[in-house]
Amino acid sequence: MAVKERLSDDKFPLLMDRKTVAEYLGFSVATVDKAVEYGGLDEAVTSPSYLNRTYYIKPKVNKWVEGL
């Protein structure tokens, strides 16, 4: 199986959806869900009501990673 090259940090957007944040962190989507539920990653989540979607804020994701 070929290993997929990861984009550099500056190529990831400021607001990321679940799939993108999983790729950014090198996690599976299921692991991201568990990190939100049990690991404190919920601090990086925002859900603007007018967009009806959930996003992860990159600087807050980075802060969460630093605290691991």
C-alpha atoms as a PDB file:
ATOM      1  CA  MET A   1       0.000   0.000   0.000  1.00  0.00           C
ATOM      2  CA  ALA A   2       1.377   3.418  -0.972  1.00  0.00           C
ATOM      3  CA  VAL A   3       1.803   6.025   1.743  1.00  0.00           C
ATOM      4  CA  LYS A   4      -0.051   9.249   0.990  1.00  0.00           C
ATOM      5  CA  GLU A   5       2.052  12.405   1.280  1.00  0.00           C
ATOM      6  CA  ARG A   6       0.736  14.782   3.928  1.00  0.00           C
ATOM      7  CA  LEU A   7       0.335  18.450   3.012  1.00  0.00           C
ATOM      8  CA  SER A   8       2.462  20.944   4.902  1.00  0.00           C
ATOM      9  CA  ASP A   9       0.750  22.708   7.807  1.00  0.00           C
ATOM     10  CA  ASP A  10       0.394  25.975   5.930  1.00  0.00           C
ATOM     11  CA  LYS A  11      -1.634  24.233   3.198  1.00  0.00           C
ATOM     12  CA  PHE A  12      -4.416  23.313   5.642  1.00  0.00           C
ATOM     13  CA  PRO A  13      -7.229  25.873   6.052  1.00  0.00           C
ATOM     14  CA  LEU A  14      -7.938  27.858   9.209  1.00  0.00           C
ATOM     15  CA  LEU A  15     -11.329  26.126   9.557  1.00  0.00           C
ATOM     16  CA  MET A  16     -11.318  22.387   8.888  1.00  0.00           C
ATOM     17  CA  ASP A  17     -14.063  19.813   8.693  1.00  0.00           C
ATOM     18  CA  ARG A  18     -13.767  16.452  10.465  1.00  0.00           C
ATOM     19  CA  LYS A  19     -12.121  14.655   7.559  1.00  0.00           C
ATOM     20  CA  THR A  20      -9.592  17.457   7.023  1.00  0.00           C
ATOM     21  CA  VAL A  21      -8.669  17.709  10.710  1.00  0.00           C
ATOM     22  CA  ALA A  22      -8.185  13.927  10.774  1.00  0.00           C
ATOM     23  CA  GLU A  23      -5.769  14.241   7.847  1.00  0.00           C
ATOM     24  CA  TYR A  24      -4.057  17.224   9.511  1.00  0.00           C
ATOM     25  CA  LEU A  25      -3.486  15.259  12.730  1.00  0.00           C
ATOM     26  CA  GLY A  26      -2.725  11.940  11.038  1.00  0.00           C
ATOM     27  CA  PHE A  27      -5.721  10.344  12.793  1.00  0.00           C
ATOM     28  CA  SER A  28      -8.723   8.453  11.537  1.00  0.00           C
ATOM     29  CA  VAL A  29     -12.092  10.238  11.618  1.00  0.00           C
ATOM     30  CA  ALA A  30     -13.163   7.831  14.386  1.00  0.00           C
ATOM     31  CA  THR A  31     -10.143   8.868  16.478  1.00  0.00           C
ATOM     32  CA  VAL A  32     -11.022  12.533  15.974  1.00  0.00           C
ATOM     33  CA  ASP A  33     -14.550  11.760  17.211  1.00  0.00           C
ATOM     34  CA  LYS A  34     -13.133  10.070  20.311  1.00  0.00           C
ATOM     35  CA  ALA A  35     -10.740  12.977  20.924  1.00  0.00           C
ATOM     36  CA  VAL A  36     -13.710  15.352  20.830  1.00  0.00           C
ATOM     37  CA  GLU A  37     -15.772  13.142  23.115  1.00  0.00           C
ATOM     38  CA  TYR A  38     -13.098  12.166  25.654  1.00  0.00           C
ATOM     39  CA  GLY A  39      -9.825  13.967  24.940  1.00  0.00           C
ATOM     40  CA  GLY A  40     -10.556  17.682  25.067  1.00  0.00           C
ATOM     41  CA  LEU A  41     -10.511  18.385  21.332  1.00  0.00           C
ATOM     42  CA  ASP A  42     -14.027  19.782  21.741  1.00  0.00           C
ATOM     43  CA  GLU A  43     -12.291  23.061  22.715  1.00  0.00           C
ATOM     44  CA  ALA A  44     -11.338  23.458  19.032  1.00  0.00           C
ATOM     45  CA  VAL A  45     -14.858  22.891  17.669  1.00  0.00           C
ATOM     46  CA  THR A  46     -17.180  25.591  16.415  1.00  0.00           C
ATOM     47  CA  SER A  47     -20.631  25.124  14.903  1.00  0.00           C
ATOM     48  CA  PRO A  48     -22.001  28.359  13.462  1.00  0.00           C
ATOM     49  CA  SER A  49     -25.774  27.980  13.410  1.00  0.00           C
ATOM     50  CA  TYR A  50     -26.115  29.738  10.071  1.00  0.00           C
ATOM     51  CA  LEU A  51     -23.804  27.192   8.397  1.00  0.00           C
ATOM     52  CA  ASN A  52     -25.269  24.092  10.050  1.00  0.00           C
ATOM     53  CA  ARG A  53     -21.812  22.428  10.002  1.00  0.00           C
ATOM     54  CA  THR A  54     -19.074  21.689  12.482  1.00  0.00           C
ATOM     55  CA  TYR A  55     -15.575  23.074  12.001  1.00  0.00           C
ATOM     56  CA  TYR A  56     -12.274  22.744  13.834  1.00  0.00           C
ATOM     57  CA  ILE A  57     -10.254  25.920  14.367  1.00  0.00           C
ATOM     58  CA  LYS A  58      -6.632  25.273  13.388  1.00  0.00           C
ATOM     59  CA  PRO A  59      -4.908  27.379  16.108  1.00  0.00           C
ATOM     60  CA  LYS A  60      -7.039  25.689  18.780  1.00  0.00           C
ATOM     61  CA  VAL A  61      -6.262  22.259  17.304  1.00  0.00           C
ATOM     62  CA  ASN A  62      -2.552  23.155  17.482  1.00  0.00           C
ATOM     63  CA  LYS A  63      -2.936  24.246  21.107  1.00  0.00           C
ATOM     64  CA  TRP A  64      -4.668  20.941  21.903  1.00  0.00           C
ATOM     65  CA  VAL A  65      -1.793  19.013  20.283  1.00  0.00           C
ATOM     66  CA  GLU A  66       0.771  20.968  22.317  1.00  0.00           C
ATOM     67  CA  GLY A  67      -1.043  19.937  25.499  1.00  0.00           C
ATOM     68  CA  LEU A  68      -0.739  16.211  24.755  1.00  0.00           C
END
